[in-house]
C-alpha atoms as a PDB file:
ATOM      1  CA  UNK A   1     -12.377 -67.072 125.235  1.00  0.00           C
ATOM      2  CA  UNK A   2     -10.262 -69.254 127.147  1.00  0.00           C
ATOM      3  CA  UNK A   3      -7.965 -68.555 129.652  1.00  0.00           C
ATOM      4  CA  UNK A   4      -5.983 -71.404 131.223  1.00  0.00           C
ATOM      5  CA  UNK A   5      -3.851 -70.539 134.628  1.00  0.00           C
ATOM      6  CA  UNK A   6      -0.882 -72.480 135.626  1.00  0.00           C
ATOM      7  CA  UNK A   7      -0.591 -72.387 139.726  1.00  0.00           C
ATOM      8  CA  UNK A   8      -0.312 -74.427 142.602  1.00  0.00           C
ATOM      9  CA  UNK A   9      -1.831 -74.809 145.639  1.00  0.00           C
ATOM     10  CA  UNK A  10       0.768 -73.877 147.939  1.00  0.00           C
ATOM     11  CA  UNK A  11       2.098 -70.826 146.123  1.00  0.00           C
ATOM     12  CA  UNK A  12       1.383 -67.454 147.605  1.00  0.00           C
ATOM     13  CA  UNK A  13       1.540 -65.426 144.657  1.00  0.00           C
ATOM     14  CA  UNK A  14      -0.864 -67.800 142.863  1.00  0.00           C
ATOM     15  CA  UNK A  15      -3.500 -67.640 145.840  1.00  0.00           C
ATOM     16  CA  UNK A  16      -2.774 -63.728 145.203  1.00  0.00           C
ATOM     17  CA  UNK A  17      -3.317 -63.843 141.727  1.00  0.00           C
ATOM     18  CA  UNK A  18      -6.238 -65.705 141.811  1.00  0.00           C
ATOM     19  CA  UNK A  19      -7.935 -62.884 143.431  1.00  0.00           C
ATOM     20  CA  UNK A  20      -6.456 -60.250 141.579  1.00  0.00           C
ATOM     21  CA  UNK A  21      -7.871 -62.099 137.917  1.00  0.00           C
ATOM     22  CA  UNK A  22     -10.918 -62.792 139.800  1.00  0.00           C
ATOM     23  CA  UNK A  23     -11.117 -58.984 140.180  1.00  0.00           C
ATOM     24  CA  UNK A  24     -10.364 -58.340 136.404  1.00  0.00           C
ATOM     25  CA  UNK A  25     -13.213 -60.488 135.528  1.00  0.00           C
ATOM     26  CA  UNK A  26     -15.554 -59.067 137.684  1.00  0.00           C
ATOM     27  CA  UNK A  27     -15.219 -56.070 135.603  1.00  0.00           C
ATOM     28  CA  UNK A  28     -14.572 -57.614 132.265  1.00  0.00           C
ATOM     29  CA  UNK A  29     -17.492 -57.328 130.005  1.00  0.00           C
ATOM     30  CA  UNK A  30     -17.379 -60.523 128.481  1.00  0.00           C
ATOM     31  CA  UNK A  31     -17.066 -62.518 131.392  1.00  0.00           C
ATOM     32  CA  UNK A  32     -19.895 -64.921 131.034  1.00  0.00           C
ATOM     33  CA  UNK A  33     -18.126 -65.899 127.273  1.00  0.00           C
ATOM     34  CA  UNK A  34     -14.716 -66.759 129.137  1.00  0.00           C
ATOM     35  CA  UNK A  35     -13.652 -69.974 130.430  1.00  0.00           C
ATOM     36  CA  UNK A  36     -11.285 -70.619 133.152  1.00  0.00           C
ATOM     37  CA  UNK A  37      -9.134 -73.684 133.455  1.00  0.00           C
ATOM     38  CA  UNK A  38      -6.511 -74.524 135.831  1.00  0.00           C
ATOM     39  CA  UNK A  39      -3.677 -76.199 134.963  1.00  0.00           C
ATOM     40  CA  UNK A  40      -1.034 -78.046 137.067  1.00  0.00           C
ATOM     41  CA  UNK A  41       2.536 -76.945 138.305  1.00  0.00           C
ATOM     42  CA  UNK A  42       4.173 -78.268 141.060  1.00  0.00           C
ATOM     43  CA  UNK A  43       6.661 -76.149 142.140  1.00  0.00           C
ATOM     44  CA  UNK A  44       8.709 -78.981 144.173  1.00  0.00           C
ATOM     45  CA  UNK A  45       7.758 -82.322 143.036  1.00  0.00           C
ATOM     46  CA  UNK A  46      10.207 -83.568 145.742  1.00  0.00           C
ATOM     47  CA  UNK A  47       8.207 -82.083 148.831  1.00  0.00           C
ATOM     48  CA  UNK A  48       7.758 -84.509 151.394  1.00  0.00           C
ATOM     49  CA  UNK A  49       4.193 -84.168 153.066  1.00  0.00           C
ATOM     50  CA  UNK A  50       3.736 -83.455 156.852  1.00  0.00           C
ATOM     51  CA  UNK A  51       0.606 -84.494 158.856  1.00  0.00           C
ATOM     52  CA  UNK A  52       1.131 -81.853 161.815  1.00  0.00           C
ATOM     53  CA  UNK A  53       3.683 -79.058 163.112  1.00  0.00           C
ATOM     54  CA  UNK A  54       7.109 -79.669 164.104  1.00  0.00           C
ATOM     55  CA  UNK A  55       7.078 -82.624 161.547  1.00  0.00           C
ATOM     56  CA  UNK A  56       9.328 -81.097 159.232  1.00  0.00           C
ATOM     57  CA  UNK A  57      10.460 -77.147 158.799  1.00  0.00           C
ATOM     58  CA  UNK A  58       8.579 -74.719 158.862  1.00  0.00           C
ATOM     59  CA  UNK A  59       7.479 -72.079 156.179  1.00  0.00           C
ATOM     60  CA  UNK A  60      10.398 -69.892 157.097  1.00  0.00           C
ATOM     61  CA  UNK A  61      13.052 -72.231 157.326  1.00  0.00           C
ATOM     62  CA  UNK A  62      12.443 -73.803 153.968  1.00  0.00           C
ATOM     63  CA  UNK A  63      11.966 -70.547 152.323  1.00  0.00           C
ATOM     64  CA  UNK A  64      16.065 -69.289 153.812  1.00  0.00           C
ATOM     65  CA  UNK A  65      17.178 -72.641 152.541  1.00  0.00           C
ATOM     66  CA  UNK A  66      15.782 -72.608 149.248  1.00  0.00           C
ATOM     67  CA  UNK A  67      16.709 -69.076 148.520  1.00  0.00           C
ATOM     68  CA  UNK A  68      20.282 -68.812 150.454  1.00  0.00           C
ATOM     69  CA  UNK A  69      18.718 -66.227 153.158  1.00  0.00           C
ATOM     70  CA  UNK A  70      18.736 -65.606 156.859  1.00  0.00           C
ATOM     71  CA  UNK A  71      15.696 -66.954 158.828  1.00  0.00           C
ATOM     72  CA  UNK A  72      15.484 -63.089 159.819  1.00  0.00           C
ATOM     73  CA  UNK A  73      14.903 -62.583 155.863  1.00  0.00           C
ATOM     74  CA  UNK A  74      12.906 -64.816 155.474  1.00  0.00           C
ATOM     75  CA  UNK A  75      10.685 -63.715 157.980  1.00  0.00           C
ATOM     76  CA  UNK A  76      10.318 -60.670 156.440  1.00  0.00           C
ATOM     77  CA  UNK A  77       9.609 -62.139 153.331  1.00  0.00           C
ATOM     78  CA  UNK A  78       6.208 -63.911 154.820  1.00  0.00           C
ATOM     79  CA  UNK A  79       5.151 -60.829 156.188  1.00  0.00           C
ATOM     80  CA  UNK A  80       5.831 -58.897 152.676  1.00  0.00           C
ATOM     81  CA  UNK A  81       3.530 -61.692 151.214  1.00  0.00           C
ATOM     82  CA  UNK A  82       1.447 -62.175 153.954  1.00  0.00           C
ATOM     83  CA  UNK A  83       0.215 -58.445 153.648  1.00  0.00           C
ATOM     84  CA  UNK A  84      -0.068 -58.763 149.855  1.00  0.00           C
ATOM     85  CA  UNK A  85      -2.371 -61.259 150.495  1.00  0.00           C
ATOM     86  CA  UNK A  86      -4.465 -59.209 153.096  1.00  0.00           C
ATOM     87  CA  UNK A  87      -4.366 -56.008 150.469  1.00  0.00           C
ATOM     88  CA  UNK A  88      -6.329 -58.724 148.112  1.00  0.00           C
ATOM     89  CA  UNK A  89      -8.972 -59.580 151.072  1.00  0.00           C
ATOM     90  CA  UNK A  90      -7.199 -62.876 151.894  1.00  0.00           C
ATOM     91  CA  UNK A  91      -6.220 -64.154 155.451  1.00  0.00           C
ATOM     92  CA  UNK A  92      -2.745 -66.106 155.218  1.00  0.00           C
ATOM     93  CA  UNK A  93      -1.170 -67.795 158.193  1.00  0.00           C
ATOM     94  CA  UNK A  94       2.276 -69.182 156.446  1.00  0.00           C
ATOM     95  CA  UNK A  95       3.332 -69.544 160.474  1.00  0.00           C
ATOM     96  CA  UNK A  96       1.449 -72.692 160.798  1.00  0.00           C
ATOM     97  CA  UNK A  97       0.926 -73.836 157.290  1.00  0.00           C
ATOM     98  CA  UNK A  98       2.655 -77.493 156.543  1.00  0.00           C
ATOM     99  CA  UNK A  99       4.996 -78.826 154.091  1.00  0.00           C
ATOM    100  CA  UNK A 100       2.799 -80.763 151.383  1.00  0.00           C
ATOM    101  CA  UNK A 101       3.400 -82.594 147.869  1.00  0.00           C
ATOM    102  CA  UNK A 102       0.436 -81.182 145.970  1.00  0.00           C
ATOM    103  CA  UNK A 103       0.344 -83.842 143.056  1.00  0.00           C
ATOM    104  CA  UNK A 104      -2.200 -86.185 144.360  1.00  0.00           C
ATOM    105  CA  UNK A 105      -4.164 -82.120 144.784  1.00  0.00           C
ATOM    106  CA  UNK A 106      -3.692 -81.182 141.342  1.00  0.00           C
ATOM    107  CA  UNK A 107      -5.089 -84.956 140.411  1.00  0.00           C
ATOM    108  CA  UNK A 108      -8.088 -84.359 142.526  1.00  0.00           C
ATOM    109  CA  UNK A 109      -8.429 -80.492 140.729  1.00  0.00           C
ATOM    110  CA  UNK A 110      -8.502 -82.489 137.357  1.00  0.00           C
ATOM    111  CA  UNK A 111     -11.551 -84.753 138.598  1.00  0.00           C
ATOM    112  CA  UNK A 112     -13.071 -81.646 139.801  1.00  0.00           C
ATOM    113  CA  UNK A 113     -12.251 -80.254 136.189  1.00  0.00           C
ATOM    114  CA  UNK A 114     -14.328 -83.359 134.995  1.00  0.00           C
ATOM    115  CA  UNK A 115     -17.259 -82.579 137.120  1.00  0.00           C
ATOM    116  CA  UNK A 116     -17.747 -78.668 136.286  1.00  0.00           C
ATOM    117  CA  UNK A 117     -16.612 -77.758 140.203  1.00  0.00           C
ATOM    118  CA  UNK A 118     -12.943 -76.886 139.327  1.00  0.00           C
ATOM    119  CA  UNK A 119     -12.736 -73.800 141.013  1.00  0.00           C
ATOM    120  CA  UNK A 120     -14.318 -74.837 144.109  1.00  0.00           C
ATOM    121  CA  UNK A 121     -11.858 -77.284 144.828  1.00  0.00           C
ATOM    122  CA  UNK A 122      -9.125 -75.061 143.962  1.00  0.00           C
ATOM    123  CA  UNK A 123     -10.361 -72.298 146.384  1.00  0.00           C
ATOM    124  CA  UNK A 124     -10.623 -74.805 148.768  1.00  0.00           C
ATOM    125  CA  UNK A 125      -7.377 -76.327 148.794  1.00  0.00           C
ATOM    126  CA  UNK A 126      -5.560 -72.921 148.491  1.00  0.00           C
ATOM    127  CA  UNK A 127      -8.016 -72.103 151.663  1.00  0.00           C
ATOM    128  CA  UNK A 128      -7.390 -74.954 153.459  1.00  0.00           C
ATOM    129  CA  UNK A 129      -3.472 -74.431 152.889  1.00  0.00           C
ATOM    130  CA  UNK A 130      -2.687 -70.859 153.433  1.00  0.00           C
ATOM    131  CA  UNK A 131      -5.446 -69.879 156.178  1.00  0.00           C
ATOM    132  CA  UNK A 132      -6.256 -72.769 157.806  1.00  0.00           C
ATOM    133  CA  UNK A 133      -2.993 -74.740 158.227  1.00  0.00           C
ATOM    134  CA  UNK A 134      -4.185 -78.135 156.752  1.00  0.00           C
ATOM    135  CA  UNK A 135      -1.728 -80.966 155.538  1.00  0.00           C
ATOM    136  CA  UNK A 136      -3.194 -80.995 151.753  1.00  0.00           C
ATOM    137  CA  UNK A 137      -1.032 -83.818 150.777  1.00  0.00           C
ATOM    138  CA  UNK A 138      -2.486 -85.789 153.296  1.00  0.00           C
ATOM    139  CA  UNK A 139      -4.938 -88.536 151.659  1.00  0.00           C
ATOM    140  CA  UNK A 140      -7.954 -87.856 154.580  1.00  0.00           C
ATOM    141  CA  UNK A 141      -7.255 -84.541 154.578  1.00  0.00           C
ATOM    142  CA  UNK A 142      -7.994 -84.150 150.395  1.00  0.00           C
ATOM    143  CA  UNK A 143     -11.058 -86.454 151.112  1.00  0.00           C
ATOM    144  CA  UNK A 144     -12.918 -83.930 152.986  1.00  0.00           C
ATOM    145  CA  UNK A 145     -11.534 -81.206 151.566  1.00  0.00           C
ATOM    146  CA  UNK A 146     -12.793 -82.011 147.922  1.00  0.00           C
ATOM    147  CA  UNK A 147     -15.926 -83.762 149.335  1.00  0.00           C
ATOM    148  CA  UNK A 148     -17.042 -80.574 151.506  1.00  0.00           C
ATOM    149  CA  UNK A 149     -16.637 -78.188 148.033  1.00  0.00           C
ATOM    150  CA  UNK A 150     -18.665 -80.530 146.257  1.00  0.00           C
ATOM    151  CA  UNK A 151     -17.065 -83.429 145.153  1.00  0.00           C
ATOM    152  CA  UNK A 152     -18.191 -87.600 145.407  1.00  0.00           C
ATOM    153  CA  UNK A 153     -16.143 -88.862 148.287  1.00  0.00           C
ATOM    154  CA  UNK A 154     -16.372 -92.373 146.705  1.00  0.00           C
ATOM    155  CA  UNK A 155     -14.862 -90.959 143.124  1.00  0.00           C
ATOM    156  CA  UNK A 156     -12.060 -88.456 145.173  1.00  0.00           C
ATOM    157  CA  UNK A 157     -11.026 -92.052 147.062  1.00  0.00           C
ATOM    158  CA  UNK A 158     -10.716 -93.781 143.694  1.00  0.00           C
ATOM    159  CA  UNK A 159      -8.677 -91.390 142.030  1.00  0.00           C
ATOM    160  CA  UNK A 160      -6.412 -90.931 145.269  1.00  0.00           C
ATOM    161  CA  UNK A 161      -5.905 -94.767 145.516  1.00  0.00           C
ATOM    162  CA  UNK A 162      -5.304 -95.204 141.718  1.00  0.00           C
ATOM    163  CA  UNK A 163      -3.219 -93.389 139.204  1.00  0.00           C
ATOM    164  CA  UNK A 164      -5.915 -91.348 137.568  1.00  0.00           C
ATOM    165  CA  UNK A 165      -5.436 -88.199 136.462  1.00  0.00           C
ATOM    166  CA  UNK A 166      -2.007 -88.273 137.155  1.00  0.00           C
ATOM    167  CA  UNK A 167      -1.084 -88.428 133.201  1.00  0.00           C
ATOM    168  CA  UNK A 168      -3.203 -85.363 132.977  1.00  0.00           C
ATOM    169  CA  UNK A 169      -0.906 -83.562 135.540  1.00  0.00           C
ATOM    170  CA  UNK A 170       1.855 -84.790 134.078  1.00  0.00           C
ATOM    171  CA  UNK A 171       0.414 -83.500 130.745  1.00  0.00           C
ATOM    172  CA  UNK A 172      -0.140 -79.924 132.507  1.00  0.00           C
ATOM    173  CA  UNK A 173       3.460 -79.795 133.647  1.00  0.00           C
ATOM    174  CA  UNK A 174       4.997 -80.702 129.938  1.00  0.00           C
ATOM    175  CA  UNK A 175       3.266 -78.224 128.234  1.00  0.00           C
ATOM    176  CA  UNK A 176       4.261 -75.690 130.561  1.00  0.00           C
ATOM    177  CA  UNK A 177       7.814 -76.734 129.942  1.00  0.00           C
ATOM    178  CA  UNK A 178       7.017 -76.541 126.213  1.00  0.00           C
ATOM    179  CA  UNK A 179       5.376 -73.008 126.494  1.00  0.00           C
ATOM    180  CA  UNK A 180       8.503 -71.702 128.498  1.00  0.00           C
ATOM    181  CA  UNK A 181       6.900 -71.600 131.592  1.00  0.00           C
ATOM    182  CA  UNK A 182       9.084 -71.787 134.867  1.00  0.00           C
ATOM    183  CA  UNK A 183       7.136 -69.702 137.544  1.00  0.00           C
ATOM    184  CA  UNK A 184       3.875 -69.248 138.522  1.00  0.00           C
ATOM    185  CA  UNK A 185       1.056 -67.940 138.322  1.00  0.00           C
ATOM    186  CA  UNK A 186       1.097 -68.102 134.610  1.00  0.00           C
ATOM    187  CA  UNK A 187      -1.956 -66.681 132.674  1.00  0.00           C
ATOM    188  CA  UNK A 188      -2.654 -67.910 128.809  1.00  0.00           C
ATOM    189  CA  UNK A 189      -5.007 -66.196 127.207  1.00  0.00           C
ATOM    190  CA  UNK A 190      -6.526 -67.594 123.934  1.00  0.00           C
ATOM    191  CA  UNK A 191      -3.333 -69.199 123.439  1.00  0.00           C
ATOM    192  CA  UNK A 192      -2.167 -65.634 122.226  1.00  0.00           C
ATOM    193  CA  UNK A 193      -1.076 -63.838 125.696  1.00  0.00           C
ATOM    194  CA  UNK A 194       1.022 -65.135 128.278  1.00  0.00           C
ATOM    195  CA  UNK A 195       0.861 -63.159 131.717  1.00  0.00           C
ATOM    196  CA  UNK A 196       3.968 -63.893 134.088  1.00  0.00           C
ATOM    197  CA  UNK A 197       3.257 -63.272 137.787  1.00  0.00           C
ATOM    198  CA  UNK A 198       0.460 -61.961 139.494  1.00  0.00           C
ATOM    199  CA  UNK A 199      -0.116 -58.737 137.743  1.00  0.00           C
ATOM    200  CA  UNK A 200      -2.329 -55.826 139.016  1.00  0.00           C
ATOM    201  CA  UNK A 201      -5.833 -56.106 138.396  1.00  0.00           C
ATOM    202  CA  UNK A 202      -5.820 -53.531 136.279  1.00  0.00           C
ATOM    203  CA  UNK A 203      -3.394 -55.150 133.621  1.00  0.00           C
ATOM    204  CA  UNK A 204      -4.940 -58.470 133.655  1.00  0.00           C
ATOM    205  CA  UNK A 205      -8.422 -56.751 132.870  1.00  0.00           C
ATOM    206  CA  UNK A 206      -6.209 -54.806 129.981  1.00  0.00           C
ATOM    207  CA  UNK A 207      -4.920 -58.000 129.146  1.00  0.00           C
ATOM    208  CA  UNK A 208      -8.671 -59.813 128.752  1.00  0.00           C
ATOM    209  CA  UNK A 209      -9.548 -56.464 126.813  1.00  0.00           C
ATOM    210  CA  UNK A 210      -7.240 -56.508 124.208  1.00  0.00           C
ATOM    211  CA  UNK A 211      -7.568 -60.453 123.700  1.00  0.00           C
ATOM    212  CA  UNK A 212     -11.017 -60.034 122.941  1.00  0.00           C
ATOM    213  CA  UNK A 213     -10.994 -57.062 120.572  1.00  0.00           C
ATOM    214  CA  UNK A 214      -8.446 -58.582 118.476  1.00  0.00           C
ATOM    215  CA  UNK A 215     -10.682 -62.210 118.301  1.00  0.00           C
ATOM    216  CA  UNK A 216     -11.463 -62.744 114.635  1.00  0.00           C
ATOM    217  CA  UNK A 217     -15.170 -61.174 113.923  1.00  0.00           C
ATOM    218  CA  UNK A 218     -17.428 -63.109 111.747  1.00  0.00           C
ATOM    219  CA  UNK A 219     -17.579 -62.170 108.188  1.00  0.00           C
ATOM    220  CA  UNK A 220     -20.317 -63.306 105.835  1.00  0.00           C
ATOM    221  CA  UNK A 221     -19.904 -63.597 102.145  1.00  0.00           C
ATOM    222  CA  UNK A 222     -22.362 -63.339 100.034  1.00  0.00           C
ATOM    223  CA  UNK A 223     -26.158 -62.201 100.494  1.00  0.00           C
ATOM    224  CA  UNK A 224     -27.159 -64.680 102.998  1.00  0.00           C
ATOM    225  CA  UNK A 225     -30.534 -63.898 102.341  1.00  0.00           C
ATOM    226  CA  UNK A 226     -32.809 -67.421 101.952  1.00  0.00           C
ATOM    227  CA  UNK A 227     -34.175 -67.700  98.001  1.00  0.00           C
ATOM    228  CA  UNK A 228     -30.951 -65.735  96.482  1.00  0.00           C
ATOM    229  CA  UNK A 229     -28.503 -68.135  97.491  1.00  0.00           C
ATOM    230  CA  UNK A 230     -27.817 -71.802  96.373  1.00  0.00           C
ATOM    231  CA  UNK A 231     -28.910 -72.405 100.136  1.00  0.00           C
ATOM    232  CA  UNK A 232     -31.492 -74.485 102.026  1.00  0.00           C
ATOM    233  CA  UNK A 233     -33.390 -72.767 104.497  1.00  0.00           C
ATOM    234  CA  UNK A 234     -36.057 -73.129 106.806  1.00  0.00           C
ATOM    235  CA  UNK A 235     -38.700 -72.245 104.136  1.00  0.00           C
ATOM    236  CA  UNK A 236     -37.241 -74.969 101.649  1.00  0.00           C
ATOM    237  CA  UNK A 237     -34.744 -75.198  99.153  1.00  0.00           C
ATOM    238  CA  UNK A 238     -34.698 -73.136  95.780  1.00  0.00           C
ATOM    239  CA  UNK A 239     -34.471 -75.219  93.226  1.00  0.00           C
END
């Protein structure tokens, strides 16, 4: 069974949703037969990355401007999402998070998928942004984080110095539009069920179990016994 998850590395509910999905998967009896693929989604494709505090508006100002709320309301919203994150074992420090363009981060995540360590790199980038206040839109920072997560530094640098995996990011985003995905996280289970938002682990588990139960069983037509059908087996072919 395949689960595709559209998300962004600077989306707080995406990180919370990642933890809730992991909790659901940990309770799913067939977890070892689930393939998880992280798909690209940019919350703000036009974001300008900053490298240090003070270079641009802080998280509260960005939130207030985007949703036409007061700074006090934005700070309250940040407090609420920080509390929700803590409930999933995550340590958010949005007061030190740095505005970042995530296009390059998504390209690195595609490289990680090709090397079989996509989840590890995704996790490292989210932790860097939400907990450690790292500028995940910065080239040198991306190289360091991705390398620490297991990628080869030279490969990461090559991706960032070229347009490699850029088409894959755009393809993910185009597919999201085709599927009607306008917000993240968004979970697509076996291309049959879609779950929008960081739903509780119990609900995500229920979707996994339902999707698994509805998978088409293998139906044998004919006896299937060597020597009785017109078929060849390990003991030869009946003639």
